[in-house]
């Protein structure tokens, strides 16, 4: 299970950007695809810097970078994708209360070997598969209805953007940890340098 501090929030967007359940426009759909693709870019960028930080280290109040990356992948493969496919394939309103939240079912087996590059590659691969599904859904079908956890009726489009808000919050948490670790590493280098200078005087 996850710490409760993982709440949703979308970067660079106003509060009403994705909350409407009116007709979905082509422009909104294209923006959705662009936003969904963002995860691939972030995962690809992390591949080049992630080995320089202690990605398996758990901070006092949360998850390790590795755990958060695994969570993002688990959410898209075991929660969001199956629900999107079900909404698209069935002629009835899907109720999210019938599904257990991915935060509650997510677990990493104790015997799992930590392979950060493999985890990032899986995120990229699975996101490509999800994008292909999104591209196959006709514009009008993004208006199909879903009952959220509060029994409110929302569109499939709004549900998809909930995924984006959730994973971008986690990505921000990862970025914050990377920055903290990099600053700590820089501070340690400066300390070591001063120690060496004192030894040589």
C-alpha atoms as a PDB file:
ATOM      1  CA  UNK A   1       0.000   0.000   0.000  1.00  0.00           C
ATOM      2  CA  UNK A   2       1.015   3.600  -0.573  1.00  0.00           C
ATOM      3  CA  UNK A   3       1.492   6.555   1.744  1.00  0.00           C
ATOM      4  CA  UNK A   4      -1.558   8.817   1.618  1.00  0.00           C
ATOM      5  CA  UNK A   5       0.485  11.806   0.378  1.00  0.00           C
ATOM      6  CA  UNK A   6       0.198  10.636  -3.224  1.00  0.00           C
ATOM      7  CA  UNK A   7      -2.604  12.956  -4.314  1.00  0.00           C
ATOM      8  CA  UNK A   8      -3.409  14.046  -7.830  1.00  0.00           C
ATOM      9  CA  UNK A   9      -2.442  17.311  -9.495  1.00  0.00           C
ATOM     10  CA  UNK A  10      -1.643  18.183 -13.099  1.00  0.00           C
ATOM     11  CA  UNK A  11       1.344  20.275 -14.051  1.00  0.00           C
ATOM     12  CA  UNK A  12       0.878  23.325 -16.286  1.00  0.00           C
ATOM     13  CA  UNK A  13      -2.898  23.207 -16.436  1.00  0.00           C
ATOM     14  CA  UNK A  14      -5.750  25.222 -14.996  1.00  0.00           C
ATOM     15  CA  UNK A  15      -8.229  23.613 -12.593  1.00  0.00           C
ATOM     16  CA  UNK A  16     -10.968  23.324 -15.213  1.00  0.00           C
ATOM     17  CA  UNK A  17      -8.891  22.102 -18.120  1.00  0.00           C
ATOM     18  CA  UNK A  18      -9.973  18.463 -17.926  1.00  0.00           C
ATOM     19  CA  UNK A  19     -12.996  18.572 -15.686  1.00  0.00           C
ATOM     20  CA  UNK A  20     -15.621  19.243 -18.351  1.00  0.00           C
ATOM     21  CA  UNK A  21     -17.776  16.358 -19.545  1.00  0.00           C
ATOM     22  CA  UNK A  22     -19.097  18.231 -22.560  1.00  0.00           C
ATOM     23  CA  UNK A  23     -18.389  17.204 -26.131  1.00  0.00           C
ATOM     24  CA  UNK A  24     -14.735  16.261 -26.629  1.00  0.00           C
ATOM     25  CA  UNK A  25     -13.137  18.244 -29.429  1.00  0.00           C
ATOM     26  CA  UNK A  26     -10.394  17.128 -31.785  1.00  0.00           C
ATOM     27  CA  UNK A  27      -8.073  19.671 -30.174  1.00  0.00           C
ATOM     28  CA  UNK A  28      -8.747  18.243 -26.703  1.00  0.00           C
ATOM     29  CA  UNK A  29      -8.177  14.715 -27.994  1.00  0.00           C
ATOM     30  CA  UNK A  30      -4.840  15.670 -29.566  1.00  0.00           C
ATOM     31  CA  UNK A  31      -3.808  17.347 -26.330  1.00  0.00           C
ATOM     32  CA  UNK A  32      -4.732  14.180 -24.466  1.00  0.00           C
ATOM     33  CA  UNK A  33      -2.492  12.067 -26.704  1.00  0.00           C
ATOM     34  CA  UNK A  34       0.307  14.576 -26.233  1.00  0.00           C
ATOM     35  CA  UNK A  35      -0.093  14.511 -22.457  1.00  0.00           C
ATOM     36  CA  UNK A  36      -0.239  10.712 -22.359  1.00  0.00           C
ATOM     37  CA  UNK A  37       2.974  10.567 -24.419  1.00  0.00           C
ATOM     38  CA  UNK A  38       4.755  12.766 -21.876  1.00  0.00           C
ATOM     39  CA  UNK A  39       5.454   9.780 -19.632  1.00  0.00           C
ATOM     40  CA  UNK A  40       7.531   8.145 -22.360  1.00  0.00           C
ATOM     41  CA  UNK A  41       9.707  11.257 -22.668  1.00  0.00           C
ATOM     42  CA  UNK A  42      10.212  11.468 -18.915  1.00  0.00           C
ATOM     43  CA  UNK A  43      11.121   7.796 -18.615  1.00  0.00           C
ATOM     44  CA  UNK A  44      13.580   8.113 -21.493  1.00  0.00           C
ATOM     45  CA  UNK A  45      15.223  11.151 -19.887  1.00  0.00           C
ATOM     46  CA  UNK A  46      15.507   9.378 -16.536  1.00  0.00           C
ATOM     47  CA  UNK A  47      17.475   6.568 -18.169  1.00  0.00           C
ATOM     48  CA  UNK A  48      20.469   8.913 -18.497  1.00  0.00           C
ATOM     49  CA  UNK A  49      20.583  10.231 -14.925  1.00  0.00           C
ATOM     50  CA  UNK A  50      18.934   7.625 -12.720  1.00  0.00           C
ATOM     51  CA  UNK A  51      22.081   5.566 -12.093  1.00  0.00           C
ATOM     52  CA  UNK A  52      23.697   8.614 -10.467  1.00  0.00           C
ATOM     53  CA  UNK A  53      21.228   8.675  -7.565  1.00  0.00           C
ATOM     54  CA  UNK A  54      20.285   6.143  -4.853  1.00  0.00           C
ATOM     55  CA  UNK A  55      17.053   5.114  -6.560  1.00  0.00           C
ATOM     56  CA  UNK A  56      16.406   2.180  -4.217  1.00  0.00           C
ATOM     57  CA  UNK A  57      16.685   4.268  -1.048  1.00  0.00           C
ATOM     58  CA  UNK A  58      13.455   4.928   0.837  1.00  0.00           C
ATOM     59  CA  UNK A  59      13.035   8.483   2.164  1.00  0.00           C
ATOM     60  CA  UNK A  60      11.616   8.746   5.718  1.00  0.00           C
ATOM     61  CA  UNK A  61       8.118   9.704   4.568  1.00  0.00           C
ATOM     62  CA  UNK A  62       7.577   7.890   1.318  1.00  0.00           C
ATOM     63  CA  UNK A  63       8.591   5.521  -1.437  1.00  0.00           C
ATOM     64  CA  UNK A  64      11.892   5.064  -3.213  1.00  0.00           C
ATOM     65  CA  UNK A  65      12.297   6.264  -6.788  1.00  0.00           C
ATOM     66  CA  UNK A  66      12.257   2.652  -7.954  1.00  0.00           C
ATOM     67  CA  UNK A  67       9.020   1.956  -6.117  1.00  0.00           C
ATOM     68  CA  UNK A  68       7.347   5.041  -7.580  1.00  0.00           C
ATOM     69  CA  UNK A  69       8.361   4.081 -11.100  1.00  0.00           C
ATOM     70  CA  UNK A  70       7.034   0.579 -10.599  1.00  0.00           C
ATOM     71  CA  UNK A  71       3.815   2.078  -9.255  1.00  0.00           C
ATOM     72  CA  UNK A  72       3.332   4.218 -12.367  1.00  0.00           C
ATOM     73  CA  UNK A  73       3.763   1.178 -14.589  1.00  0.00           C
ATOM     74  CA  UNK A  74       1.479  -0.975 -12.453  1.00  0.00           C
ATOM     75  CA  UNK A  75      -1.220   1.689 -12.516  1.00  0.00           C
ATOM     76  CA  UNK A  76      -1.228   1.970 -16.297  1.00  0.00           C
ATOM     77  CA  UNK A  77      -1.157  -1.788 -16.977  1.00  0.00           C
ATOM     78  CA  UNK A  78      -3.338  -3.178 -14.186  1.00  0.00           C
ATOM     79  CA  UNK A  79      -5.813  -0.378 -13.521  1.00  0.00           C
ATOM     80  CA  UNK A  80      -6.200   2.339 -16.141  1.00  0.00           C
ATOM     81  CA  UNK A  81      -5.754   0.271 -19.298  1.00  0.00           C
ATOM     82  CA  UNK A  82      -8.241  -2.501 -18.340  1.00  0.00           C
ATOM     83  CA  UNK A  83     -10.853   0.086 -17.358  1.00  0.00           C
ATOM     84  CA  UNK A  84     -10.408   2.115 -20.557  1.00  0.00           C
ATOM     85  CA  UNK A  85     -10.747  -1.059 -22.622  1.00  0.00           C
ATOM     86  CA  UNK A  86     -13.860  -2.104 -20.691  1.00  0.00           C
ATOM     87  CA  UNK A  87     -15.546   1.284 -21.108  1.00  0.00           C
ATOM     88  CA  UNK A  88     -14.832   1.250 -24.836  1.00  0.00           C
ATOM     89  CA  UNK A  89     -15.961  -2.344 -25.408  1.00  0.00           C
ATOM     90  CA  UNK A  90     -19.169  -2.396 -23.355  1.00  0.00           C
ATOM     91  CA  UNK A  91     -22.464  -0.590 -23.821  1.00  0.00           C
ATOM     92  CA  UNK A  92     -22.985   0.084 -20.143  1.00  0.00           C
ATOM     93  CA  UNK A  93     -21.627   2.530 -17.614  1.00  0.00           C
ATOM     94  CA  UNK A  94     -18.562   1.165 -15.836  1.00  0.00           C
ATOM     95  CA  UNK A  95     -18.489   1.808 -12.100  1.00  0.00           C
ATOM     96  CA  UNK A  96     -15.036   2.499 -10.661  1.00  0.00           C
ATOM     97  CA  UNK A  97     -16.260   1.300  -7.274  1.00  0.00           C
ATOM     98  CA  UNK A  98     -16.113  -2.203  -8.743  1.00  0.00           C
ATOM     99  CA  UNK A  99     -12.328  -1.855  -8.936  1.00  0.00           C
ATOM    100  CA  UNK A 100      -9.845  -1.718  -6.082  1.00  0.00           C
ATOM    101  CA  UNK A 101      -7.643   1.395  -6.274  1.00  0.00           C
ATOM    102  CA  UNK A 102      -4.212   0.564  -7.647  1.00  0.00           C
ATOM    103  CA  UNK A 103      -2.552   2.194  -4.628  1.00  0.00           C
ATOM    104  CA  UNK A 104      -4.125  -0.487  -2.452  1.00  0.00           C
ATOM    105  CA  UNK A 105      -3.204  -3.496  -4.582  1.00  0.00           C
ATOM    106  CA  UNK A 106       0.312  -2.433  -5.606  1.00  0.00           C
ATOM    107  CA  UNK A 107       3.081  -4.581  -4.206  1.00  0.00           C
ATOM    108  CA  UNK A 108       6.649  -5.366  -5.178  1.00  0.00           C
ATOM    109  CA  UNK A 109       7.656  -8.977  -4.452  1.00  0.00           C
ATOM    110  CA  UNK A 110      10.391  -9.146  -1.829  1.00  0.00           C
ATOM    111  CA  UNK A 111      12.452 -11.420  -4.068  1.00  0.00           C
ATOM    112  CA  UNK A 112      12.297  -9.036  -7.030  1.00  0.00           C
ATOM    113  CA  UNK A 113      15.696  -7.940  -8.255  1.00  0.00           C
ATOM    114  CA  UNK A 114      15.880  -4.158  -8.599  1.00  0.00           C
ATOM    115  CA  UNK A 115      16.622  -3.269 -12.217  1.00  0.00           C
ATOM    116  CA  UNK A 116      15.938   0.432 -12.732  1.00  0.00           C
ATOM    117  CA  UNK A 117      16.699   0.463 -16.457  1.00  0.00           C
ATOM    118  CA  UNK A 118      14.353  -2.454 -17.041  1.00  0.00           C
ATOM    119  CA  UNK A 119      11.630  -0.685 -15.053  1.00  0.00           C
ATOM    120  CA  UNK A 120      11.984   2.428 -17.209  1.00  0.00           C
ATOM    121  CA  UNK A 121      11.961   0.382 -20.414  1.00  0.00           C
ATOM    122  CA  UNK A 122       8.747  -1.335 -19.329  1.00  0.00           C
ATOM    123  CA  UNK A 123       7.091   2.020 -18.654  1.00  0.00           C
ATOM    124  CA  UNK A 124       7.996   3.189 -22.159  1.00  0.00           C
ATOM    125  CA  UNK A 125       6.829  -0.045 -23.799  1.00  0.00           C
ATOM    126  CA  UNK A 126       3.548  -0.233 -21.895  1.00  0.00           C
ATOM    127  CA  UNK A 127       2.789   3.425 -22.490  1.00  0.00           C
ATOM    128  CA  UNK A 128       3.263   2.910 -26.238  1.00  0.00           C
ATOM    129  CA  UNK A 129       0.663   0.139 -26.055  1.00  0.00           C
ATOM    130  CA  UNK A 130      -1.759   2.370 -24.161  1.00  0.00           C
ATOM    131  CA  UNK A 131      -1.314   5.185 -26.674  1.00  0.00           C
ATOM    132  CA  UNK A 132      -2.173   2.753 -29.486  1.00  0.00           C
ATOM    133  CA  UNK A 133      -5.418   1.917 -27.694  1.00  0.00           C
ATOM    134  CA  UNK A 134      -6.217   5.600 -27.192  1.00  0.00           C
ATOM    135  CA  UNK A 135      -5.675   6.257 -30.901  1.00  0.00           C
ATOM    136  CA  UNK A 136      -8.173   3.527 -31.817  1.00  0.00           C
ATOM    137  CA  UNK A 137     -10.974   5.075 -29.758  1.00  0.00           C
ATOM    138  CA  UNK A 138     -13.215   7.312 -31.936  1.00  0.00           C
ATOM    139  CA  UNK A 139     -13.668  10.882 -30.767  1.00  0.00           C
ATOM    140  CA  UNK A 140     -17.304  10.422 -29.824  1.00  0.00           C
ATOM    141  CA  UNK A 141     -16.519   7.414 -27.618  1.00  0.00           C
ATOM    142  CA  UNK A 142     -14.395   9.570 -25.309  1.00  0.00           C
ATOM    143  CA  UNK A 143     -17.750  10.905 -24.106  1.00  0.00           C
ATOM    144  CA  UNK A 144     -18.794   7.479 -22.786  1.00  0.00           C
ATOM    145  CA  UNK A 145     -19.732   7.591 -19.133  1.00  0.00           C
ATOM    146  CA  UNK A 146     -18.010   6.239 -16.054  1.00  0.00           C
ATOM    147  CA  UNK A 147     -19.194   6.316 -12.443  1.00  0.00           C
ATOM    148  CA  UNK A 148     -16.328   7.500 -10.270  1.00  0.00           C
ATOM    149  CA  UNK A 149     -15.629   6.455  -6.693  1.00  0.00           C
ATOM    150  CA  UNK A 150     -18.014   9.117  -5.411  1.00  0.00           C
ATOM    151  CA  UNK A 151     -20.792   7.836  -7.689  1.00  0.00           C
ATOM    152  CA  UNK A 152     -20.457  10.913  -9.907  1.00  0.00           C
ATOM    153  CA  UNK A 153     -20.814  10.490 -13.652  1.00  0.00           C
ATOM    154  CA  UNK A 154     -17.716  11.468 -15.609  1.00  0.00           C
ATOM    155  CA  UNK A 155     -16.579  10.842 -19.181  1.00  0.00           C
ATOM    156  CA  UNK A 156     -13.922   8.409 -20.343  1.00  0.00           C
ATOM    157  CA  UNK A 157     -11.977  11.502 -21.386  1.00  0.00           C
ATOM    158  CA  UNK A 158     -12.007  12.842 -17.823  1.00  0.00           C
ATOM    159  CA  UNK A 159     -11.012   9.428 -16.476  1.00  0.00           C
ATOM    160  CA  UNK A 160      -8.011   9.292 -18.828  1.00  0.00           C
ATOM    161  CA  UNK A 161      -6.890  12.694 -17.648  1.00  0.00           C
ATOM    162  CA  UNK A 162      -7.179  11.558 -14.061  1.00  0.00           C
ATOM    163  CA  UNK A 163      -4.461   9.052 -14.916  1.00  0.00           C
ATOM    164  CA  UNK A 164      -2.292  11.866 -16.272  1.00  0.00           C
ATOM    165  CA  UNK A 165      -2.746  14.004 -13.166  1.00  0.00           C
ATOM    166  CA  UNK A 166      -1.925  11.079 -10.902  1.00  0.00           C
ATOM    167  CA  UNK A 167       1.246   9.990 -12.667  1.00  0.00           C
ATOM    168  CA  UNK A 168       2.528  13.540 -13.086  1.00  0.00           C
ATOM    169  CA  UNK A 169       2.223  14.064  -9.345  1.00  0.00           C
ATOM    170  CA  UNK A 170       4.343  10.956  -8.848  1.00  0.00           C
ATOM    171  CA  UNK A 171       6.820  12.165 -11.491  1.00  0.00           C
ATOM    172  CA  UNK A 172       7.165  15.447  -9.598  1.00  0.00           C
ATOM    173  CA  UNK A 173       7.880  13.501  -6.421  1.00  0.00           C
ATOM    174  CA  UNK A 174      10.574  11.570  -8.303  1.00  0.00           C
ATOM    175  CA  UNK A 175      12.082  14.782  -9.687  1.00  0.00           C
ATOM    176  CA  UNK A 176      12.163  16.277  -6.182  1.00  0.00           C
ATOM    177  CA  UNK A 177      14.027  13.238  -4.852  1.00  0.00           C
ATOM    178  CA  UNK A 178      16.512  13.300  -7.730  1.00  0.00           C
ATOM    179  CA  UNK A 179      17.227  16.968  -7.019  1.00  0.00           C
ATOM    180  CA  UNK A 180      17.696  16.311  -3.304  1.00  0.00           C
ATOM    181  CA  UNK A 181      20.108  13.449  -3.972  1.00  0.00           C
ATOM    182  CA  UNK A 182      22.071  15.506  -6.503  1.00  0.00           C
ATOM    183  CA  UNK A 183      22.410  18.381  -4.042  1.00  0.00           C
ATOM    184  CA  UNK A 184      23.540  15.998  -1.318  1.00  0.00           C
ATOM    185  CA  UNK A 185      26.134  14.536  -3.673  1.00  0.00           C
ATOM    186  CA  UNK A 186      27.400  18.006  -4.585  1.00  0.00           C
ATOM    187  CA  UNK A 187      27.611  19.014  -0.928  1.00  0.00           C
ATOM    188  CA  UNK A 188      29.595  15.880  -0.128  1.00  0.00           C
ATOM    189  CA  UNK A 189      32.016  16.614  -2.975  1.00  0.00           C
ATOM    190  CA  UNK A 190      32.584  20.102  -1.602  1.00  0.00           C
ATOM    191  CA  UNK A 191      33.203  18.727   1.885  1.00  0.00           C
ATOM    192  CA  UNK A 192      35.658  16.147   0.544  1.00  0.00           C
ATOM    193  CA  UNK A 193      37.450  18.859  -1.415  1.00  0.00           C
ATOM    194  CA  UNK A 194      37.876  21.030   1.682  1.00  0.00           C
ATOM    195  CA  UNK A 195      39.176  18.056   3.663  1.00  0.00           C
ATOM    196  CA  UNK A 196      41.758  17.338   0.976  1.00  0.00           C
ATOM    197  CA  UNK A 197      42.810  20.969   0.874  1.00  0.00           C
ATOM    198  CA  UNK A 198      43.371  20.986   4.636  1.00  0.00           C
ATOM    199  CA  UNK A 199      45.443  17.818   4.407  1.00  0.00           C
ATOM    200  CA  UNK A 200      47.695  19.375   1.791  1.00  0.00           C
ATOM    201  CA  UNK A 201      48.407  22.555   3.797  1.00  0.00           C
END
